[in-house]
């Protein structure tokens, strides 16, 4: 039979693990576009379309070590530009 001290130690360790696992776990949605999985806001600029925004911003992103661009907004407005 284990001592009370051992049981308390084990109980605390199990409780800490039960709390830590959900805090560090990621979901499938983390791989989606911003603001999930590794995306950072790079700025904003007015573009006629999402496609024009992403095509023009990709070379800038690549110059700074990123490989993907995601533009979020409406046509002919300021798009938020995200890099990953």
Protein backbone atom coordinates (compact mmCIF):
# COMPACT_ATOMS: atom_id res chain seq x y z
CA UNK A 1 0.00 0.00 0.00
CA UNK A 2 1.36 3.41 -0.98
CA UNK A 3 1.79 6.15 1.56
CA UNK A 4 -0.47 9.16 1.64
CA UNK A 5 2.43 11.35 0.52
CA UNK A 6 2.94 9.19 -2.62
CA UNK A 7 -0.77 9.25 -3.42
CA UNK A 8 -0.91 13.03 -3.12
CA UNK A 9 2.17 13.41 -5.36
CA UNK A 10 0.70 11.12 -8.01
CA UNK A 11 -2.65 12.91 -7.82
CA UNK A 12 -1.00 16.29 -8.32
CA UNK A 13 1.01 15.01 -11.29
CA UNK A 14 -2.08 13.54 -12.95
CA UNK A 15 -4.04 16.75 -12.34
CA UNK A 16 -1.26 18.89 -13.82
CA UNK A 17 -1.13 16.67 -16.91
CA UNK A 18 -4.91 16.83 -17.29
CA UNK A 19 -4.72 20.62 -17.33
CA UNK A 20 -1.60 20.94 -19.50
CA UNK A 21 -2.69 18.65 -22.34
CA UNK A 22 -5.76 20.67 -23.41
CA UNK A 23 -3.77 23.91 -23.13
CA UNK A 24 -1.07 22.68 -25.50
CA UNK A 25 -3.21 20.67 -27.92
CA UNK A 26 -4.00 22.10 -31.34
CA UNK A 27 -7.05 21.53 -33.46
CA UNK A 28 -7.46 20.92 -37.16
CA UNK A 29 -8.72 24.48 -37.54
CA UNK A 30 -5.28 25.79 -36.58
CA UNK A 31 -4.09 25.04 -40.12
CA UNK A 32 -6.71 27.37 -41.57
CA UNK A 33 -6.03 30.90 -42.78
CA UNK A 34 -5.41 33.74 -40.34
CA UNK A 35 -5.17 34.13 -37.50
CA UNK A 36 -4.35 30.45 -37.04
CA UNK A 37 -1.22 28.33 -37.38
CA UNK A 38 1.76 30.63 -37.82
CA UNK A 39 0.13 33.54 -39.65
CA UNK A 40 1.32 37.04 -38.80
CA UNK A 41 -0.22 40.34 -39.82
CA UNK A 42 2.08 42.06 -42.31
CA UNK A 43 0.07 45.21 -42.99
CA UNK A 44 -2.69 46.46 -45.20
CA UNK A 45 -3.15 48.11 -48.58
CA UNK A 46 -5.94 48.90 -51.04
CA UNK A 47 -6.30 46.40 -53.88
CA UNK A 48 -8.99 45.80 -56.51
CA UNK A 49 -9.29 42.09 -55.56
CA UNK A 50 -8.02 39.37 -53.25
CA UNK A 51 -6.14 37.78 -56.15
CA UNK A 52 -4.38 41.06 -57.03
CA UNK A 53 -3.43 41.55 -53.38
CA UNK A 54 -1.94 38.09 -52.99
CA UNK A 55 -0.11 38.19 -56.34
CA UNK A 56 1.51 41.56 -55.59
CA UNK A 57 2.35 40.79 -51.96
CA UNK A 58 3.88 37.32 -52.47
CA UNK A 59 7.30 38.60 -53.69
CA UNK A 60 7.53 40.91 -50.65
CA UNK A 61 6.66 38.04 -48.34
CA UNK A 62 9.27 35.80 -49.96
CA UNK A 63 11.94 38.51 -49.60
CA UNK A 64 11.24 38.44 -45.87
CA UNK A 65 11.40 34.66 -45.49
CA UNK A 66 7.70 33.79 -45.77
CA UNK A 67 6.19 31.45 -48.34
CA UNK A 68 2.47 32.26 -48.18
CA UNK A 69 0.26 35.34 -48.35
CA UNK A 70 -3.38 35.65 -47.35
CA UNK A 71 -5.34 38.83 -48.05
CA UNK A 72 -8.58 39.45 -46.22
CA UNK A 73 -11.04 42.17 -47.15
CA UNK A 74 -13.50 43.37 -49.76
CA UNK A 75 -12.70 44.46 -53.36
CA UNK A 76 -11.49 48.07 -53.69
CA UNK A 77 -10.93 48.40 -49.95
CA UNK A 78 -7.89 48.05 -47.71
CA UNK A 79 -7.05 44.37 -47.39
CA UNK A 80 -5.37 42.95 -44.29
CA UNK A 81 -2.23 41.18 -45.45
CA UNK A 82 -1.09 38.07 -43.57
CA UNK A 83 2.14 36.13 -44.10
CA UNK A 84 3.26 32.66 -43.13
